[in-house]
């Protein structure tokens, strides 16, 4: 599973990733782990060029190739309505070992 961690003031707010083995038609199952949440959130992952995209409900996180992450909230948006991202993050990739340890700690 590939994962990225969002770092705000050197504190991790979330871990997000996808399972490449479950990829179908350029989409993959993704998981979002929020700090202090009891369970992960299922997402749909897609790679568009060099940007990573996770979508769930009315929300979206995009991570650019430079590690800049952006969060969008489309709650109540009209069809075709453009919105600015609500939050911007500094993201880092973590290695698989670290992610596996994190997974084991929450299960």
PDB file of N, CA and C in Angstrom:
ATOM      1  N   UNK A   1       0.848  -1.175   0.000  1.00  0.00           N
ATOM      2  CA  UNK A   1       0.000   0.000   0.000  1.00  0.00           C
ATOM      3  C   UNK A   1       0.894   1.238   0.000  1.00  0.00           C
ATOM      4  N   UNK A   2       0.611   2.147  -0.880  1.00  0.00           N
ATOM      5  CA  UNK A   2       1.339   3.405  -0.915  1.00  0.00           C
ATOM      6  C   UNK A   2       0.668   4.338   0.070  1.00  0.00           C
ATOM      7  N   UNK A   3       1.463   5.119   0.757  1.00  0.00           N
ATOM      8  CA  UNK A   3       0.848   6.034   1.697  1.00  0.00           C
ATOM      9  C   UNK A   3       1.607   7.341   1.763  1.00  0.00           C
ATOM     10  N   UNK A   4       0.898   8.368   2.137  1.00  0.00           N
ATOM     11  CA  UNK A   4       1.452   9.700   2.343  1.00  0.00           C
ATOM     12  C   UNK A   4       0.913  10.207   3.659  1.00  0.00           C
ATOM     13  N   UNK A   5       1.734  10.972   4.348  1.00  0.00           N
ATOM     14  CA  UNK A   5       1.309  11.525   5.620  1.00  0.00           C
ATOM     15  C   UNK A   5       1.316  13.042   5.522  1.00  0.00           C
ATOM     16  N   UNK A   6       0.303  13.637   6.052  1.00  0.00           N
ATOM     17  CA  UNK A   6       0.185  15.090   6.047  1.00  0.00           C
ATOM     18  C   UNK A   6       0.750  15.602   7.361  1.00  0.00           C
ATOM     19  N   UNK A   7       1.672  16.543   7.255  1.00  0.00           N
ATOM     20  CA  UNK A   7       2.402  17.050   8.411  1.00  0.00           C
ATOM     21  C   UNK A   7       2.094  18.535   8.579  1.00  0.00           C
ATOM     22  N   UNK A   8       1.479  18.899   9.684  1.00  0.00           N
ATOM     23  CA  UNK A   8       1.192  20.295   9.986  1.00  0.00           C
ATOM     24  C   UNK A   8       1.859  20.613  11.316  1.00  0.00           C
ATOM     25  N   UNK A   9       2.821  21.542  11.286  1.00  0.00           N
ATOM     26  CA  UNK A   9       3.605  21.862  12.480  1.00  0.00           C
ATOM     27  C   UNK A   9       4.267  20.612  13.054  1.00  0.00           C
ATOM     28  N   UNK A  10       4.745  19.754  12.166  1.00  0.00           N
ATOM     29  CA  UNK A  10       5.459  18.527  12.520  1.00  0.00           C
ATOM     30  C   UNK A  10       4.600  17.540  13.299  1.00  0.00           C
ATOM     31  N   UNK A  11       3.284  17.673  13.231  1.00  0.00           N
ATOM     32  CA  UNK A  11       2.364  16.714  13.824  1.00  0.00           C
ATOM     33  C   UNK A  11       1.541  16.119  12.698  1.00  0.00           C
ATOM     34  N   UNK A  12       1.447  14.805  12.675  1.00  0.00           N
ATOM     35  CA  UNK A  12       0.683  14.167  11.613  1.00  0.00           C
ATOM     36  C   UNK A  12      -0.807  14.296  11.884  1.00  0.00           C
ATOM     37  N   UNK A  13      -1.519  14.818  10.898  1.00  0.00           N
ATOM     38  CA  UNK A  13      -2.969  14.955  10.984  1.00  0.00           C
ATOM     39  C   UNK A  13      -3.673  13.748  10.395  1.00  0.00           C
ATOM     40  N   UNK A  14      -3.058  13.185   9.360  1.00  0.00           N
ATOM     41  CA  UNK A  14      -3.695  12.057   8.695  1.00  0.00           C
ATOM     42  C   UNK A  14      -2.664  11.238   7.941  1.00  0.00           C
ATOM     43  N   UNK A  15      -3.064  10.019   7.669  1.00  0.00           N
ATOM     44  CA  UNK A  15      -2.309   9.141   6.778  1.00  0.00           C
ATOM     45  C   UNK A  15      -3.280   8.700   5.702  1.00  0.00           C
ATOM     46  N   UNK A  16      -2.844   8.764   4.464  1.00  0.00           N
ATOM     47  CA  UNK A  16      -3.714   8.407   3.348  1.00  0.00           C
ATOM     48  C   UNK A  16      -2.934   7.498   2.407  1.00  0.00           C
ATOM     49  N   UNK A  17      -3.609   6.540   1.823  1.00  0.00           N
ATOM     50  CA  UNK A  17      -2.917   5.626   0.938  1.00  0.00           C
ATOM     51  C   UNK A  17      -3.886   4.907   0.020  1.00  0.00           C
ATOM     52  N   UNK A  18      -3.325   4.026  -0.788  1.00  0.00           N
ATOM     53  CA  UNK A  18      -4.150   3.229  -1.696  1.00  0.00           C
ATOM     54  C   UNK A  18      -3.543   1.840  -1.828  1.00  0.00           C
ATOM     55  N   UNK A  19      -4.340   0.920  -2.331  1.00  0.00           N
ATOM     56  CA  UNK A  19      -3.919  -0.469  -2.486  1.00  0.00           C
ATOM     57  C   UNK A  19      -3.801  -0.755  -3.979  1.00  0.00           C
ATOM     58  N   UNK A  20      -2.579  -0.726  -4.525  1.00  0.00           N
ATOM     59  CA  UNK A  20      -2.413  -0.881  -5.975  1.00  0.00           C
ATOM     60  C   UNK A  20      -2.908  -2.220  -6.504  1.00  0.00           C
ATOM     61  N   UNK A  21      -2.888  -3.242  -5.667  1.00  0.00           N
ATOM     62  CA  UNK A  21      -3.355  -4.560  -6.102  1.00  0.00           C
ATOM     63  C   UNK A  21      -4.858  -4.585  -6.361  1.00  0.00           C
ATOM     64  N   UNK A  22      -5.585  -3.623  -5.835  1.00  0.00           N
ATOM     65  CA  UNK A  22      -7.033  -3.548  -6.029  1.00  0.00           C
ATOM     66  C   UNK A  22      -7.409  -2.466  -7.039  1.00  0.00           C
ATOM     67  N   UNK A  23      -6.533  -2.255  -8.004  1.00  0.00           N
ATOM     68  CA  UNK A  23      -6.754  -1.239  -9.024  1.00  0.00           C
ATOM     69  C   UNK A  23      -7.625  -1.798 -10.146  1.00  0.00           C
ATOM     70  N   UNK A  24      -8.570  -0.977 -10.610  1.00  0.00           N
ATOM     71  CA  UNK A  24      -9.433  -1.344 -11.726  1.00  0.00           C
ATOM     72  C   UNK A  24      -9.767  -0.083 -12.505  1.00  0.00           C
ATOM     73  N   UNK A  25      -9.525  -0.126 -13.813  1.00  0.00           N
ATOM     74  CA  UNK A  25      -9.841   1.020 -14.682  1.00  0.00           C
ATOM     75  C   UNK A  25      -9.243   2.330 -14.160  1.00  0.00           C
ATOM     76  N   UNK A  26      -7.968   2.303 -13.781  1.00  0.00           N
ATOM     77  CA  UNK A  26      -7.222   3.476 -13.308  1.00  0.00           C
ATOM     78  C   UNK A  26      -7.643   3.992 -11.938  1.00  0.00           C
ATOM     79  N   UNK A  27      -8.511   3.278 -11.248  1.00  0.00           N
ATOM     80  CA  UNK A  27      -8.922   3.647  -9.898  1.00  0.00           C
ATOM     81  C   UNK A  27      -8.497   2.541  -8.938  1.00  0.00           C
ATOM     82  N   UNK A  28      -8.253   2.916  -7.677  1.00  0.00           N
ATOM     83  CA  UNK A  28      -7.881   1.929  -6.664  1.00  0.00           C
ATOM     84  C   UNK A  28      -8.604   2.259  -5.363  1.00  0.00           C
ATOM     85  N   UNK A  29      -8.744   1.250  -4.521  1.00  0.00           N
ATOM     86  CA  UNK A  29      -9.300   1.454  -3.196  1.00  0.00           C
ATOM     87  C   UNK A  29      -8.297   2.241  -2.368  1.00  0.00           C
ATOM     88  N   UNK A  30      -8.759   3.272  -1.701  1.00  0.00           N
ATOM     89  CA  UNK A  30      -7.899   4.067  -0.838  1.00  0.00           C
ATOM     90  C   UNK A  30      -8.416   4.067   0.585  1.00  0.00           C
ATOM     91  N   UNK A  31      -7.556   4.447   1.521  1.00  0.00           N
ATOM     92  CA  UNK A  31      -7.920   4.548   2.933  1.00  0.00           C
ATOM     93  C   UNK A  31      -7.370   5.858   3.486  1.00  0.00           C
ATOM     94  N   UNK A  32      -8.182   6.510   4.292  1.00  0.00           N
ATOM     95  CA  UNK A  32      -7.799   7.741   4.965  1.00  0.00           C
ATOM     96  C   UNK A  32      -7.897   7.494   6.466  1.00  0.00           C
ATOM     97  N   UNK A  33      -6.794   7.708   7.157  1.00  0.00           N
ATOM     98  CA  UNK A  33      -6.741   7.550   8.605  1.00  0.00           C
ATOM     99  C   UNK A  33      -6.540   8.930   9.222  1.00  0.00           C
ATOM    100  N   UNK A  34      -7.543   9.425   9.911  1.00  0.00           N
ATOM    101  CA  UNK A  34      -7.444  10.721  10.575  1.00  0.00           C
ATOM    102  C   UNK A  34      -6.913  10.530  11.991  1.00  0.00           C
ATOM    103  N   UNK A  35      -6.089  11.460  12.426  1.00  0.00           N
ATOM    104  CA  UNK A  35      -5.542  11.405  13.776  1.00  0.00           C
ATOM    105  C   UNK A  35      -6.686  11.325  14.786  1.00  0.00           C
ATOM    106  N   UNK A  36      -6.570  10.418  15.709  1.00  0.00           N
ATOM    107  CA  UNK A  36      -7.523  10.212  16.795  1.00  0.00           C
ATOM    108  C   UNK A  36      -8.874   9.649  16.351  1.00  0.00           C
ATOM    109  N   UNK A  37      -9.035   9.271  15.093  1.00  0.00           N
ATOM    110  CA  UNK A  37     -10.285   8.653  14.641  1.00  0.00           C
ATOM    111  C   UNK A  37     -10.262   7.167  14.982  1.00  0.00           C
ATOM    112  N   UNK A  38     -11.420   6.593  15.171  1.00  0.00           N
ATOM    113  CA  UNK A  38     -11.513   5.193  15.549  1.00  0.00           C
ATOM    114  C   UNK A  38     -11.403   4.237  14.372  1.00  0.00           C
ATOM    115  N   UNK A  39     -11.760   4.680  13.179  1.00  0.00           N
ATOM    116  CA  UNK A  39     -11.704   3.788  12.022  1.00  0.00           C
ATOM    117  C   UNK A  39     -11.339   4.577  10.766  1.00  0.00           C
ATOM    118  N   UNK A  40     -10.793   3.871   9.755  1.00  0.00           N
ATOM    119  CA  UNK A  40     -10.413   4.554   8.512  1.00  0.00           C
ATOM    120  C   UNK A  40     -11.639   4.908   7.669  1.00  0.00           C
ATOM    121  N   UNK A  41     -11.423   5.812   6.745  1.00  0.00           N
ATOM    122  CA  UNK A  41     -12.454   6.217   5.792  1.00  0.00           C
ATOM    123  C   UNK A  41     -12.087   5.628   4.433  1.00  0.00           C
ATOM    124  N   UNK A  42     -13.043   4.951   3.797  1.00  0.00           N
ATOM    125  CA  UNK A  42     -12.818   4.416   2.450  1.00  0.00           C
ATOM    126  C   UNK A  42     -12.823   5.552   1.441  1.00  0.00           C
ATOM    127  N   UNK A  43     -11.882   5.513   0.519  1.00  0.00           N
ATOM    128  CA  UNK A  43     -11.776   6.523  -0.539  1.00  0.00           C
ATOM    129  C   UNK A  43     -11.574   5.827  -1.880  1.00  0.00           C
ATOM    130  N   UNK A  44     -11.697   6.596  -2.928  1.00  0.00           N
ATOM    131  CA  UNK A  44     -11.339   6.152  -4.277  1.00  0.00           C
ATOM    132  C   UNK A  44     -10.085   6.924  -4.666  1.00  0.00           C
ATOM    133  N   UNK A  45      -9.053   6.199  -5.080  1.00  0.00           N
ATOM    134  CA  UNK A  45      -7.772   6.806  -5.450  1.00  0.00           C
ATOM    135  C   UNK A  45      -7.617   6.796  -6.963  1.00  0.00           C
ATOM    136  N   UNK A  46      -7.020   7.882  -7.477  1.00  0.00           N
ATOM    137  CA  UNK A  46      -6.687   7.962  -8.900  1.00  0.00           C
ATOM    138  C   UNK A  46      -5.407   8.783  -9.064  1.00  0.00           C
ATOM    139  N   UNK A  47      -4.530   8.322  -9.934  1.00  0.00           N
ATOM    140  CA  UNK A  47      -3.338   9.078 -10.297  1.00  0.00           C
ATOM    141  C   UNK A  47      -3.625   9.778 -11.613  1.00  0.00           C
ATOM    142  N   UNK A  48      -3.536  11.122 -11.605  1.00  0.00           N
ATOM    143  CA  UNK A  48      -3.749  11.920 -12.819  1.00  0.00           C
ATOM    144  C   UNK A  48      -2.444  12.638 -13.104  1.00  0.00           C
ATOM    145  N   UNK A  49      -1.713  12.165 -14.091  1.00  0.00           N
ATOM    146  CA  UNK A  49      -0.396  12.734 -14.381  1.00  0.00           C
ATOM    147  C   UNK A  49       0.524  12.460 -13.212  1.00  0.00           C
ATOM    148  N   UNK A  50       0.969  13.512 -12.519  1.00  0.00           N
ATOM    149  CA  UNK A  50       1.830  13.346 -11.346  1.00  0.00           C
ATOM    150  C   UNK A  50       1.099  13.712 -10.054  1.00  0.00           C
ATOM    151  N   UNK A  51      -0.218  13.900 -10.126  1.00  0.00           N
ATOM    152  CA  UNK A  51      -1.011  14.238  -8.943  1.00  0.00           C
ATOM    153  C   UNK A  51      -1.777  13.016  -8.445  1.00  0.00           C
ATOM    154  N   UNK A  52      -1.752  12.848  -7.142  1.00  0.00           N
ATOM    155  CA  UNK A  52      -2.502  11.772  -6.488  1.00  0.00           C
ATOM    156  C   UNK A  52      -3.817  12.359  -5.989  1.00  0.00           C
ATOM    157  N   UNK A  53      -4.933  11.669  -6.258  1.00  0.00           N
ATOM    158  CA  UNK A  53      -6.264  12.157  -5.885  1.00  0.00           C
ATOM    159  C   UNK A  53      -7.000  11.101  -5.068  1.00  0.00           C
ATOM    160  N   UNK A  54      -7.581  11.519  -3.951  1.00  0.00           N
ATOM    161  CA  UNK A  54      -8.453  10.658  -3.151  1.00  0.00           C
ATOM    162  C   UNK A  54      -9.787  11.374  -3.015  1.00  0.00           C
ATOM    163  N   UNK A  55     -10.878  10.664  -3.258  1.00  0.00           N
ATOM    164  CA  UNK A  55     -12.212  11.247  -3.200  1.00  0.00           C
ATOM    165  C   UNK A  55     -13.096  10.370  -2.314  1.00  0.00           C
ATOM    166  N   UNK A  56     -13.910  11.004  -1.480  1.00  0.00           N
ATOM    167  CA  UNK A  56     -14.918  10.304  -0.690  1.00  0.00           C
ATOM    168  C   UNK A  56     -16.031  11.297  -0.402  1.00  0.00           C
ATOM    169  N   UNK A  57     -17.269  10.854  -0.546  1.00  0.00           N
ATOM    170  CA  UNK A  57     -18.403  11.748  -0.316  1.00  0.00           C
ATOM    171  C   UNK A  57     -18.240  13.046  -1.089  1.00  0.00           C
ATOM    172  N   UNK A  58     -18.363  14.169  -0.396  1.00  0.00           N
ATOM    173  CA  UNK A  58     -18.214  15.498  -0.996  1.00  0.00           C
ATOM    174  C   UNK A  58     -16.814  16.071  -0.805  1.00  0.00           C
ATOM    175  N   UNK A  59     -15.829  15.214  -0.527  1.00  0.00           N
ATOM    176  CA  UNK A  59     -14.486  15.680  -0.178  1.00  0.00           C
ATOM    177  C   UNK A  59     -13.426  15.119  -1.112  1.00  0.00           C
ATOM    178  N   UNK A  60     -12.303  15.838  -1.180  1.00  0.00           N
ATOM    179  CA  UNK A  60     -11.199  15.421  -2.044  1.00  0.00           C
ATOM    180  C   UNK A  60      -9.885  15.907  -1.453  1.00  0.00           C
ATOM    181  N   UNK A  61      -8.861  15.058  -1.546  1.00  0.00           N
ATOM    182  CA  UNK A  61      -7.486  15.447  -1.224  1.00  0.00           C
ATOM    183  C   UNK A  61      -6.638  15.179  -2.452  1.00  0.00           C
ATOM    184  N   UNK A  62      -5.828  16.153  -2.831  1.00  0.00           N
ATOM    185  CA  UNK A  62      -4.893  16.020  -3.936  1.00  0.00           C
ATOM    186  C   UNK A  62      -3.491  16.290  -3.410  1.00  0.00           C
ATOM    187  N   UNK A  63      -2.540  15.445  -3.824  1.00  0.00           N
ATOM    188  CA  UNK A  63      -1.140  15.671  -3.465  1.00  0.00           C
ATOM    189  C   UNK A  63      -0.340  15.844  -4.747  1.00  0.00           C
ATOM    190  N   UNK A  64       0.324  17.007  -4.859  1.00  0.00           N
ATOM    191  CA  UNK A  64       1.148  17.320  -6.020  1.00  0.00           C
ATOM    192  C   UNK A  64       2.503  16.626  -5.911  1.00  0.00           C
ATOM    193  N   UNK A  65       3.248  16.620  -7.000  1.00  0.00           N
ATOM    194  CA  UNK A  65       4.563  15.966  -7.029  1.00  0.00           C
ATOM    195  C   UNK A  65       5.556  16.617  -6.076  1.00  0.00           C
ATOM    196  N   UNK A  66       5.343  17.876  -5.695  1.00  0.00           N
ATOM    197  CA  UNK A  66       6.257  18.549  -4.761  1.00  0.00           C
ATOM    198  C   UNK A  66       5.888  18.296  -3.299  1.00  0.00           C
ATOM    199  N   UNK A  67       4.849  17.489  -3.052  1.00  0.00           N
ATOM    200  CA  UNK A  67       4.445  17.168  -1.691  1.00  0.00           C
ATOM    201  C   UNK A  67       3.389  18.095  -1.109  1.00  0.00           C
ATOM    202  N   UNK A  68       2.895  19.029  -1.902  1.00  0.00           N
ATOM    203  CA  UNK A  68       1.831  19.914  -1.435  1.00  0.00           C
ATOM    204  C   UNK A  68       0.500  19.183  -1.518  1.00  0.00           C
ATOM    205  N   UNK A  69      -0.181  19.103  -0.389  1.00  0.00           N
ATOM    206  CA  UNK A  69      -1.497  18.483  -0.346  1.00  0.00           C
ATOM    207  C   UNK A  69      -2.571  19.540  -0.185  1.00  0.00           C
ATOM    208  N   UNK A  70      -3.705  19.291  -0.810  1.00  0.00           N
ATOM    209  CA  UNK A  70      -4.821  20.231  -0.712  1.00  0.00           C
ATOM    210  C   UNK A  70      -6.103  19.465  -0.409  1.00  0.00           C
ATOM    211  N   UNK A  71      -6.944  20.068   0.423  1.00  0.00           N
ATOM    212  CA  UNK A  71      -8.223  19.479   0.798  1.00  0.00           C
ATOM    213  C   UNK A  71      -9.357  20.347   0.282  1.00  0.00           C
ATOM    214  N   UNK A  72     -10.348  19.710  -0.352  1.00  0.00           N
ATOM    215  CA  UNK A  72     -11.538  20.400  -0.854  1.00  0.00           C
ATOM    216  C   UNK A  72     -12.776  19.849  -0.177  1.00  0.00           C
ATOM    217  N   UNK A  73     -13.718  20.752   0.104  1.00  0.00           N
ATOM    218  CA  UNK A  73     -15.030  20.385   0.634  1.00  0.00           C
ATOM    219  C   UNK A  73     -16.060  20.885  -0.375  1.00  0.00           C
ATOM    220  N   UNK A  74     -16.741  19.946  -1.027  1.00  0.00           N
ATOM    221  CA  UNK A  74     -17.735  20.303  -2.044  1.00  0.00           C
ATOM    222  C   UNK A  74     -19.164  20.192  -1.516  1.00  0.00           C
ATOM    223  N   UNK A  75     -19.317  20.161  -0.190  1.00  0.00           N
ATOM    224  CA  UNK A  75     -20.646  20.066   0.397  1.00  0.00           C
ATOM    225  C   UNK A  75     -21.518  21.220  -0.095  1.00  0.00           C
ATOM    226  N   UNK A  76     -22.678  20.875  -0.647  1.00  0.00           N
ATOM    227  CA  UNK A  76     -23.618  21.889  -1.129  1.00  0.00           C
ATOM    228  C   UNK A  76     -23.249  22.535  -2.454  1.00  0.00           C
ATOM    229  N   UNK A  77     -22.180  22.070  -3.090  1.00  0.00           N
ATOM    230  CA  UNK A  77     -21.768  22.669  -4.376  1.00  0.00           C
ATOM    231  C   UNK A  77     -22.772  22.326  -5.469  1.00  0.00           C
ATOM    232  N   UNK A  78     -22.987  23.283  -6.350  1.00  0.00           N
ATOM    233  CA  UNK A  78     -23.833  23.049  -7.511  1.00  0.00           C
ATOM    234  C   UNK A  78     -22.996  22.370  -8.590  1.00  0.00           C
ATOM    235  N   UNK A  79     -23.641  21.658  -9.489  1.00  0.00           N
ATOM    236  CA  UNK A  79     -22.949  20.967 -10.565  1.00  0.00           C
ATOM    237  C   UNK A  79     -22.082  21.950 -11.347  1.00  0.00           C
ATOM    238  N   UNK A  80     -20.795  21.632 -11.497  1.00  0.00           N
ATOM    239  CA  UNK A  80     -19.863  22.478 -12.226  1.00  0.00           C
ATOM    240  C   UNK A  80     -19.284  23.635 -11.418  1.00  0.00           C
ATOM    241  N   UNK A  81     -19.733  23.808 -10.172  1.00  0.00           N
ATOM    242  CA  UNK A  81     -19.237  24.904  -9.338  1.00  0.00           C
ATOM    243  C   UNK A  81     -17.770  24.690  -8.987  1.00  0.00           C
ATOM    244  N   UNK A  82     -16.961  25.724  -9.130  1.00  0.00           N
ATOM    245  CA  UNK A  82     -15.550  25.665  -8.762  1.00  0.00           C
ATOM    246  C   UNK A  82     -15.385  26.169  -7.336  1.00  0.00           C
ATOM    247  N   UNK A  83     -14.507  25.505  -6.602  1.00  0.00           N
ATOM    248  CA  UNK A  83     -14.212  25.927  -5.234  1.00  0.00           C
ATOM    249  C   UNK A  83     -12.704  25.918  -5.019  1.00  0.00           C
ATOM    250  N   UNK A  84     -12.240  26.810  -4.170  1.00  0.00           N
ATOM    251  CA  UNK A  84     -10.838  26.805  -3.761  1.00  0.00           C
ATOM    252  C   UNK A  84     -10.655  25.755  -2.677  1.00  0.00           C
ATOM    253  N   UNK A  85      -9.450  25.238  -2.575  1.00  0.00           N
ATOM    254  CA  UNK A  85      -9.187  24.283  -1.509  1.00  0.00           C
ATOM    255  C   UNK A  85      -9.308  24.992  -0.167  1.00  0.00           C
ATOM    256  N   UNK A  86      -9.799  24.258   0.838  1.00  0.00           N
ATOM    257  CA  UNK A  86      -9.994  24.836   2.170  1.00  0.00           C
ATOM    258  C   UNK A  86      -8.725  24.793   2.999  1.00  0.00           C
ATOM    259  N   UNK A  87      -7.882  23.791   2.765  1.00  0.00           N
ATOM    260  CA  UNK A  87      -6.669  23.616   3.555  1.00  0.00           C
ATOM    261  C   UNK A  87      -5.527  23.186   2.651  1.00  0.00           C
ATOM    262  N   UNK A  88      -4.304  23.532   3.057  1.00  0.00           N
ATOM    263  CA  UNK A  88      -3.096  23.115   2.349  1.00  0.00           C
ATOM    264  C   UNK A  88      -2.166  22.464   3.362  1.00  0.00           C
ATOM    265  N   UNK A  89      -1.521  21.371   2.943  1.00  0.00           N
ATOM    266  CA  UNK A  89      -0.666  20.596   3.834  1.00  0.00           C
ATOM    267  C   UNK A  89       0.716  20.378   3.229  1.00  0.00           C
ATOM    268  N   UNK A  90       1.677  20.124   4.075  1.00  0.00           N
ATOM    269  CA  UNK A  90       2.999  19.641   3.665  1.00  0.00           C
ATOM    270  C   UNK A  90       2.974  18.127   3.862  1.00  0.00           C
ATOM    271  N   UNK A  91       3.149  17.380   2.780  1.00  0.00           N
ATOM    272  CA  UNK A  91       3.028  15.921   2.833  1.00  0.00           C
ATOM    273  C   UNK A  91       4.386  15.252   2.660  1.00  0.00           C
ATOM    274  N   UNK A  92       4.525  14.112   3.301  1.00  0.00           N
ATOM    275  CA  UNK A  92       5.726  13.305   3.153  1.00  0.00           C
ATOM    276  C   UNK A  92       5.317  11.873   2.876  1.00  0.00           C
ATOM    277  N   UNK A  93       6.135  11.175   2.109  1.00  0.00           N
ATOM    278  CA  UNK A  93       5.910   9.745   1.897  1.00  0.00           C
ATOM    279  C   UNK A  93       6.593   8.993   3.017  1.00  0.00           C
ATOM    280  N   UNK A  94       5.913   8.014   3.527  1.00  0.00           N
ATOM    281  CA  UNK A  94       6.525   7.170   4.536  1.00  0.00           C
ATOM    282  C   UNK A  94       6.778   5.797   3.922  1.00  0.00           C
ATOM    283  N   UNK A  95       7.719   5.076   4.473  1.00  0.00           N
ATOM    284  CA  UNK A  95       8.018   3.765   3.915  1.00  0.00           C
ATOM    285  C   UNK A  95       6.980   2.737   4.354  1.00  0.00           C
ATOM    286  N   UNK A  96       6.936   1.630   3.678  1.00  0.00           N
ATOM    287  CA  UNK A  96       5.948   0.597   3.926  1.00  0.00           C
ATOM    288  C   UNK A  96       6.038   0.055   5.345  1.00  0.00           C
ATOM    289  N   UNK A  97       7.233  -0.102   5.858  1.00  0.00           N
ATOM    290  CA  UNK A  97       7.415  -0.616   7.222  1.00  0.00           C
ATOM    291  C   UNK A  97       6.729   0.288   8.243  1.00  0.00           C
ATOM    292  N   UNK A  98       6.937   1.575   8.122  1.00  0.00           N
ATOM    293  CA  UNK A  98       6.327   2.524   9.042  1.00  0.00           C
ATOM    294  C   UNK A  98       4.810   2.477   8.933  1.00  0.00           C
ATOM    295  N   UNK A  99       4.301   2.375   7.711  1.00  0.00           N
ATOM    296  CA  UNK A  99       2.861   2.312   7.517  1.00  0.00           C
ATOM    297  C   UNK A  99       2.289   1.029   8.117  1.00  0.00           C
ATOM    298  N   UNK A 100       2.971  -0.087   7.915  1.00  0.00           N
ATOM    299  CA  UNK A 100       2.505  -1.353   8.485  1.00  0.00           C
ATOM    300  C   UNK A 100       2.452  -1.281  10.010  1.00  0.00           C
ATOM    301  N   UNK A 101       3.431  -0.654  10.627  1.00  0.00           N
ATOM    302  CA  UNK A 101       3.424  -0.489  12.087  1.00  0.00           C
ATOM    303  C   UNK A 101       2.226   0.349  12.514  1.00  0.00           C
ATOM    304  N   UNK A 102       1.940   1.386  11.763  1.00  0.00           N
ATOM    305  CA  UNK A 102       0.781   2.228  12.065  1.00  0.00           C
ATOM    306  C   UNK A 102      -0.501   1.412  11.960  1.00  0.00           C
ATOM    307  N   UNK A 103      -0.638   0.634  10.902  1.00  0.00           N
ATOM    308  CA  UNK A 103      -1.822  -0.193  10.704  1.00  0.00           C
ATOM    309  C   UNK A 103      -2.015  -1.164  11.866  1.00  0.00           C
ATOM    310  N   UNK A 104      -0.940  -1.808  12.274  1.00  0.00           N
ATOM    311  CA  UNK A 104      -1.004  -2.772  13.373  1.00  0.00           C
ATOM    312  C   UNK A 104      -1.409  -2.094  14.678  1.00  0.00           C
ATOM    313  N   UNK A 105      -0.992  -0.855  14.860  1.00  0.00           N
ATOM    314  CA  UNK A 105      -1.304  -0.156  16.120  1.00  0.00           C
ATOM    315  C   UNK A 105      -2.771   0.199  16.234  1.00  0.00           C
ATOM    316  N   UNK A 106      -3.476   0.333  15.117  1.00  0.00           N
ATOM    317  CA  UNK A 106      -4.894   0.705  15.203  1.00  0.00           C
ATOM    318  C   UNK A 106      -5.808  -0.501  15.138  1.00  0.00           C
ATOM    319  N   UNK A 107      -5.304  -1.640  14.780  1.00  0.00           N
ATOM    320  CA  UNK A 107      -6.166  -2.840  14.715  1.00  0.00           C
ATOM    321  C   UNK A 107      -6.017  -3.617  15.935  1.00  0.00           C
TER     322      UNK A 107
END
